[in-house]
PDB file of N, CA and C in Angstrom:
ATOM      1  N   MET A   1      -1.738   6.092  -4.969  1.00  0.00           N
ATOM      2  CA  MET A   1      -0.488   6.384  -5.618  1.00  0.00           C
ATOM      3  C   MET A   1       0.203   5.072  -5.977  1.00  0.00           C
ATOM      4  N   LEU A   2       0.639   4.953  -7.203  1.00  0.00           N
ATOM      5  CA  LEU A   2       1.326   3.759  -7.670  1.00  0.00           C
ATOM      6  C   LEU A   2       2.822   3.951  -7.505  1.00  0.00           C
ATOM      7  N   LEU A   3       3.428   3.048  -6.789  1.00  0.00           N
ATOM      8  CA  LEU A   3       4.866   3.106  -6.582  1.00  0.00           C
ATOM      9  C   LEU A   3       5.530   1.957  -7.318  1.00  0.00           C
ATOM     10  N   MET A   4       6.707   2.207  -7.827  1.00  0.00           N
ATOM     11  CA  MET A   4       7.469   1.140  -8.467  1.00  0.00           C
ATOM     12  C   MET A   4       7.997   0.208  -7.395  1.00  0.00           C
ATOM     13  N   PRO A   5       8.008  -1.082  -7.673  1.00  0.00           N
ATOM     14  CA  PRO A   5       8.527  -2.024  -6.690  1.00  0.00           C
ATOM     15  C   PRO A   5      10.047  -1.893  -6.556  1.00  0.00           C
ATOM     16  N   ALA A   6      10.535  -2.380  -5.437  1.00  0.00           N
ATOM     17  CA  ALA A   6      11.976  -2.399  -5.228  1.00  0.00           C
ATOM     18  C   ALA A   6      12.611  -3.283  -6.296  1.00  0.00           C
ATOM     19  N   PRO A   7      13.818  -2.960  -6.727  1.00  0.00           N
ATOM     20  CA  PRO A   7      14.478  -3.769  -7.766  1.00  0.00           C
ATOM     21  C   PRO A   7      14.534  -5.253  -7.433  1.00  0.00           C
ATOM     22  N   SER A   8      14.624  -5.590  -6.164  1.00  0.00           N
ATOM     23  CA  SER A   8      14.704  -7.001  -5.785  1.00  0.00           C
ATOM     24  C   SER A   8      13.405  -7.757  -6.065  1.00  0.00           C
ATOM     25  N   THR A   9      12.282  -7.059  -6.195  1.00  0.00           N
ATOM     26  CA  THR A   9      11.005  -7.729  -6.447  1.00  0.00           C
ATOM     27  C   THR A   9      10.607  -7.732  -7.920  1.00  0.00           C
ATOM     28  N   LEU A  10      11.337  -7.017  -8.746  1.00  0.00           N
ATOM     29  CA  LEU A  10      10.964  -6.952 -10.162  1.00  0.00           C
ATOM     30  C   LEU A  10      10.883  -8.329 -10.813  1.00  0.00           C
ATOM     31  N   TYR A  11      11.799  -9.206 -10.459  1.00  0.00           N
ATOM     32  CA  TYR A  11      11.842 -10.530 -11.071  1.00  0.00           C
ATOM     33  C   TYR A  11      11.058 -11.571 -10.278  1.00  0.00           C
ATOM     34  N   ASP A  12      10.299 -11.125  -9.298  1.00  0.00           N
ATOM     35  CA  ASP A  12       9.535 -12.016  -8.433  1.00  0.00           C
ATOM     36  C   ASP A  12       8.120 -12.183  -8.982  1.00  0.00           C
ATOM     37  N   LEU A  13       7.861 -13.329  -9.585  1.00  0.00           N
ATOM     38  CA  LEU A  13       6.545 -13.587 -10.168  1.00  0.00           C
ATOM     39  C   LEU A  13       5.452 -13.508  -9.113  1.00  0.00           C
ATOM     40  N   GLY A  14       5.758 -13.928  -7.883  1.00  0.00           N
ATOM     41  CA  GLY A  14       4.784 -13.872  -6.794  1.00  0.00           C
ATOM     42  C   GLY A  14       4.319 -12.454  -6.507  1.00  0.00           C
ATOM     43  N   TYR A  15       5.244 -11.499  -6.581  1.00  0.00           N
ATOM     44  CA  TYR A  15       4.894 -10.096  -6.364  1.00  0.00           C
ATOM     45  C   TYR A  15       3.852  -9.651  -7.382  1.00  0.00           C
ATOM     46  N   TRP A  16       4.098  -9.957  -8.651  1.00  0.00           N
ATOM     47  CA  TRP A  16       3.200  -9.516  -9.713  1.00  0.00           C
ATOM     48  C   TRP A  16       1.863 -10.249  -9.650  1.00  0.00           C
ATOM     49  N   LYS A  17       1.880 -11.528  -9.265  1.00  0.00           N
ATOM     50  CA  LYS A  17       0.621 -12.256  -9.101  1.00  0.00           C
ATOM     51  C   LYS A  17      -0.205 -11.644  -7.969  1.00  0.00           C
ATOM     52  N   LYS A  18       0.478 -11.243  -6.896  1.00  0.00           N
ATOM     53  CA  LYS A  18      -0.228 -10.609  -5.785  1.00  0.00           C
ATOM     54  C   LYS A  18      -0.863  -9.298  -6.238  1.00  0.00           C
ATOM     55  N   ARG A  19      -0.124  -8.506  -6.993  1.00  0.00           N
ATOM     56  CA  ARG A  19      -0.680  -7.250  -7.513  1.00  0.00           C
ATOM     57  C   ARG A  19      -1.885  -7.523  -8.406  1.00  0.00           C
ATOM     58  N   ALA A  20      -1.786  -8.564  -9.247  1.00  0.00           N
ATOM     59  CA  ALA A  20      -2.900  -8.914 -10.132  1.00  0.00           C
ATOM     60  C   ALA A  20      -4.126  -9.315  -9.318  1.00  0.00           C
ATOM     61  N   GLU A  21      -3.908 -10.097  -8.275  1.00  0.00           N
ATOM     62  CA  GLU A  21      -5.022 -10.514  -7.428  1.00  0.00           C
ATOM     63  C   GLU A  21      -5.656  -9.316  -6.738  1.00  0.00           C
ATOM     64  N   GLU A  22      -4.837  -8.378  -6.273  1.00  0.00           N
ATOM     65  CA  GLU A  22      -5.376  -7.169  -5.644  1.00  0.00           C
ATOM     66  C   GLU A  22      -6.234  -6.382  -6.629  1.00  0.00           C
ATOM     67  N   ALA A  23      -5.772  -6.280  -7.875  1.00  0.00           N
ATOM     68  CA  ALA A  23      -6.536  -5.555  -8.895  1.00  0.00           C
ATOM     69  C   ALA A  23      -7.853  -6.264  -9.183  1.00  0.00           C
ATOM     70  N   ARG A  24      -7.830  -7.603  -9.209  1.00  0.00           N
ATOM     71  CA  ARG A  24      -9.069  -8.357  -9.445  1.00  0.00           C
ATOM     72  C   ARG A  24     -10.054  -8.169  -8.294  1.00  0.00           C
ATOM     73  N   MET A  25      -9.539  -8.150  -7.081  1.00  0.00           N
ATOM     74  CA  MET A  25     -10.406  -7.937  -5.926  1.00  0.00           C
ATOM     75  C   MET A  25     -11.039  -6.549  -5.984  1.00  0.00           C
ATOM     76  N   MET A  26     -10.264  -5.560  -6.390  1.00  0.00           N
ATOM     77  CA  MET A  26     -10.810  -4.212  -6.536  1.00  0.00           C
ATOM     78  C   MET A  26     -11.889  -4.196  -7.608  1.00  0.00           C
ATOM     79  N   ALA A  27     -11.637  -4.911  -8.710  1.00  0.00           N
ATOM     80  CA  ALA A  27     -12.609  -4.943  -9.811  1.00  0.00           C
ATOM     81  C   ALA A  27     -13.941  -5.535  -9.358  1.00  0.00           C
ATOM     82  N   GLU A  28     -13.879  -6.549  -8.493  1.00  0.00           N
ATOM     83  CA  GLU A  28     -15.107  -7.185  -8.015  1.00  0.00           C
ATOM     84  C   GLU A  28     -16.027  -6.201  -7.294  1.00  0.00           C
ATOM     85  N   SER A  29     -15.441  -5.227  -6.633  1.00  0.00           N
ATOM     86  CA  SER A  29     -16.256  -4.290  -5.858  1.00  0.00           C
ATOM     87  C   SER A  29     -16.744  -3.090  -6.679  1.00  0.00           C
ATOM     88  N   MET A  30     -16.342  -3.003  -7.916  1.00  0.00           N
ATOM     89  CA  MET A  30     -16.706  -1.857  -8.745  1.00  0.00           C
ATOM     90  C   MET A  30     -18.068  -2.067  -9.396  1.00  0.00           C
ATOM     91  N   ARG A  31     -18.844  -1.016  -9.415  1.00  0.00           N
ATOM     92  CA  ARG A  31     -20.185  -1.084 -10.004  1.00  0.00           C
ATOM     93  C   ARG A  31     -20.175  -0.686 -11.474  1.00  0.00           C
ATOM     94  N   ASP A  32     -19.297   0.226 -11.841  1.00  0.00           N
ATOM     95  CA  ASP A  32     -19.233   0.696 -13.214  1.00  0.00           C
ATOM     96  C   ASP A  32     -18.540  -0.351 -14.087  1.00  0.00           C
ATOM     97  N   THR A  33     -19.226  -0.806 -15.114  1.00  0.00           N
ATOM     98  CA  THR A  33     -18.713  -1.871 -15.972  1.00  0.00           C
ATOM     99  C   THR A  33     -17.404  -1.491 -16.652  1.00  0.00           C
ATOM    100  N   ASP A  34     -17.321  -0.276 -17.162  1.00  0.00           N
ATOM    101  CA  ASP A  34     -16.099   0.144 -17.855  1.00  0.00           C
ATOM    102  C   ASP A  34     -14.901   0.158 -16.911  1.00  0.00           C
ATOM    103  N   THR A  35     -15.120   0.634 -15.694  1.00  0.00           N
ATOM    104  CA  THR A  35     -14.044   0.679 -14.709  1.00  0.00           C
ATOM    105  C   THR A  35     -13.634  -0.731 -14.302  1.00  0.00           C
ATOM    106  N   LYS A  36     -14.614  -1.598 -14.162  1.00  0.00           N
ATOM    107  CA  LYS A  36     -14.339  -2.994 -13.814  1.00  0.00           C
ATOM    108  C   LYS A  36     -13.494  -3.649 -14.903  1.00  0.00           C
ATOM    109  N   ILE A  37     -13.863  -3.430 -16.148  1.00  0.00           N
ATOM    110  CA  ILE A  37     -13.118  -3.998 -17.270  1.00  0.00           C
ATOM    111  C   ILE A  37     -11.691  -3.448 -17.287  1.00  0.00           C
ATOM    112  N   LEU A  38     -11.544  -2.171 -17.008  1.00  0.00           N
ATOM    113  CA  LEU A  38     -10.218  -1.550 -16.953  1.00  0.00           C
ATOM    114  C   LEU A  38      -9.360  -2.196 -15.862  1.00  0.00           C
ATOM    115  N   MET A  39      -9.927  -2.403 -14.682  1.00  0.00           N
ATOM    116  CA  MET A  39      -9.169  -3.023 -13.592  1.00  0.00           C
ATOM    117  C   MET A  39      -8.792  -4.462 -13.921  1.00  0.00           C
ATOM    118  N   LEU A  40      -9.666  -5.173 -14.578  1.00  0.00           N
ATOM    119  CA  LEU A  40      -9.331  -6.540 -14.979  1.00  0.00           C
ATOM    120  C   LEU A  40      -8.206  -6.545 -16.011  1.00  0.00           C
ATOM    121  N   GLY A  41      -8.186  -5.531 -16.867  1.00  0.00           N
ATOM    122  CA  GLY A  41      -7.087  -5.384 -17.822  1.00  0.00           C
ATOM    123  C   GLY A  41      -5.771  -5.091 -17.115  1.00  0.00           C
ATOM    124  N   ILE A  42      -5.833  -4.281 -16.080  1.00  0.00           N
ATOM    125  CA  ILE A  42      -4.641  -3.981 -15.279  1.00  0.00           C
ATOM    126  C   ILE A  42      -4.138  -5.265 -14.621  1.00  0.00           C
ATOM    127  N   ALA A  43      -5.049  -6.060 -14.091  1.00  0.00           N
ATOM    128  CA  ALA A  43      -4.667  -7.328 -13.468  1.00  0.00           C
ATOM    129  C   ALA A  43      -3.953  -8.224 -14.471  1.00  0.00           C
ATOM    130  N   GLU A  44      -4.491  -8.304 -15.666  1.00  0.00           N
ATOM    131  CA  GLU A  44      -3.861  -9.119 -16.714  1.00  0.00           C
ATOM    132  C   GLU A  44      -2.478  -8.571 -17.069  1.00  0.00           C
ATOM    133  N   SER A  45      -2.353  -7.262 -17.093  1.00  0.00           N
ATOM    134  CA  SER A  45      -1.053  -6.648 -17.382  1.00  0.00           C
ATOM    135  C   SER A  45      -0.027  -7.000 -16.314  1.00  0.00           C
ATOM    136  N   TYR A  46      -0.450  -6.986 -15.055  1.00  0.00           N
ATOM    137  CA  TYR A  46       0.458  -7.388 -13.968  1.00  0.00           C
ATOM    138  C   TYR A  46       0.927  -8.830 -14.159  1.00  0.00           C
ATOM    139  N   GLU A  47       0.016  -9.704 -14.548  1.00  0.00           N
ATOM    140  CA  GLU A  47       0.394 -11.097 -14.808  1.00  0.00           C
ATOM    141  C   GLU A  47       1.442 -11.178 -15.921  1.00  0.00           C
ATOM    142  N   GLN A  48       1.217 -10.427 -16.983  1.00  0.00           N
ATOM    143  CA  GLN A  48       2.150 -10.440 -18.107  1.00  0.00           C
ATOM    144  C   GLN A  48       3.517  -9.854 -17.720  1.00  0.00           C
ATOM    145  N   ILE A  49       3.509  -8.809 -16.922  1.00  0.00           N
ATOM    146  CA  ILE A  49       4.767  -8.222 -16.451  1.00  0.00           C
ATOM    147  C   ILE A  49       5.543  -9.269 -15.659  1.00  0.00           C
ATOM    148  N   GLY A  50       4.863  -9.945 -14.769  1.00  0.00           N
ATOM    149  CA  GLY A  50       5.510 -10.980 -13.970  1.00  0.00           C
ATOM    150  C   GLY A  50       6.111 -12.072 -14.832  1.00  0.00           C
ATOM    151  N   LYS A  51       5.377 -12.529 -15.820  1.00  0.00           N
ATOM    152  CA  LYS A  51       5.881 -13.572 -16.715  1.00  0.00           C
ATOM    153  C   LYS A  51       7.082 -13.080 -17.510  1.00  0.00           C
ATOM    154  N   SER A  52       7.029 -11.844 -17.952  1.00  0.00           N
ATOM    155  CA  SER A  52       8.146 -11.282 -18.711  1.00  0.00           C
ATOM    156  C   SER A  52       9.400 -11.175 -17.851  1.00  0.00           C
ATOM    157  N   TYR A  53       9.251 -10.655 -16.643  1.00  0.00           N
ATOM    158  CA  TYR A  53      10.404 -10.547 -15.747  1.00  0.00           C
ATOM    159  C   TYR A  53      10.948 -11.919 -15.381  1.00  0.00           C
ATOM    160  N   GLU A  54      10.058 -12.876 -15.232  1.00  0.00           N
ATOM    161  CA  GLU A  54      10.504 -14.231 -14.917  1.00  0.00           C
ATOM    162  C   GLU A  54      11.339 -14.791 -16.071  1.00  0.00           C
ATOM    163  N   GLN A  55      10.933 -14.531 -17.301  1.00  0.00           N
ATOM    164  CA  GLN A  55      11.699 -14.983 -18.460  1.00  0.00           C
ATOM    165  C   GLN A  55      13.066 -14.315 -18.507  1.00  0.00           C
ATOM    166  N   VAL A  56      13.108 -13.031 -18.186  1.00  0.00           N
ATOM    167  CA  VAL A  56      14.392 -12.315 -18.167  1.00  0.00           C
ATOM    168  C   VAL A  56      15.297 -12.909 -17.099  1.00  0.00           C
ATOM    169  N   ALA A  57      14.752 -13.167 -15.929  1.00  0.00           N
ATOM    170  CA  ALA A  57      15.544 -13.737 -14.835  1.00  0.00           C
ATOM    171  C   ALA A  57      16.085 -15.104 -15.225  1.00  0.00           C
ATOM    172  N   THR A  58      15.256 -15.911 -15.872  1.00  0.00           N
ATOM    173  CA  THR A  58      15.685 -17.236 -16.329  1.00  0.00           C
ATOM    174  C   THR A  58      16.792 -17.107 -17.365  1.00  0.00           C
ATOM    175  N   TRP A  59      16.630 -16.192 -18.285  1.00  0.00           N
ATOM    176  CA  TRP A  59      17.638 -15.966 -19.317  1.00  0.00           C
ATOM    177  C   TRP A  59      18.968 -15.543 -18.683  1.00  0.00           C
ATOM    178  N   LYS A  60      18.893 -14.611 -17.736  1.00  0.00           N
ATOM    179  CA  LYS A  60      20.111 -14.148 -17.054  1.00  0.00           C
ATOM    180  C   LYS A  60      20.796 -15.300 -16.333  1.00  0.00           C
ATOM    181  N   GLU A  61      19.990 -16.114 -15.672  1.00  0.00           N
ATOM    182  CA  GLU A  61      20.533 -17.261 -14.933  1.00  0.00           C
ATOM    183  C   GLU A  61      21.266 -18.207 -15.865  1.00  0.00           C
ATOM    184  N   ARG A  62      20.650 -18.522 -16.984  1.00  0.00           N
ATOM    185  CA  ARG A  62      21.260 -19.441 -17.961  1.00  0.00           C
ATOM    186  C   ARG A  62      22.503 -18.860 -18.607  1.00  0.00           C
ATOM    187  N   SER A  63      22.508 -17.572 -18.840  1.00  0.00           N
ATOM    188  CA  SER A  63      23.650 -16.961 -19.525  1.00  0.00           C
ATOM    189  C   SER A  63      24.866 -16.838 -18.596  1.00  0.00           C
ATOM    190  N   GLN A  64      24.641 -16.917 -17.290  1.00  0.00           N
ATOM    191  CA  GLN A  64      25.753 -16.831 -16.347  1.00  0.00           C
ATOM    192  C   GLN A  64      26.411 -18.179 -16.097  1.00  0.00           C
ATOM    193  N   LYS A  65      25.842 -19.228 -16.609  1.00  0.00           N
ATOM    194  CA  LYS A  65      26.413 -20.580 -16.399  1.00  0.00           C
ATOM    195  C   LYS A  65      27.475 -20.894 -17.405  1.00  0.00           C
TER     196      LYS A  65
END
């Protein structure tokens, strides 16, 4: 079951990198090529989500100054 992270972790790049690493580890153990490719795509998506949230957090920080 996929759960949404707590709001406090949404802007945490480390959280998303950890999720990406977990997805990559799962992909390594998969025998079906299509499923493996799908999991690697999910890992990449987690990385992109983290980068996007990090940019939003940076923008918010700068706009409050």
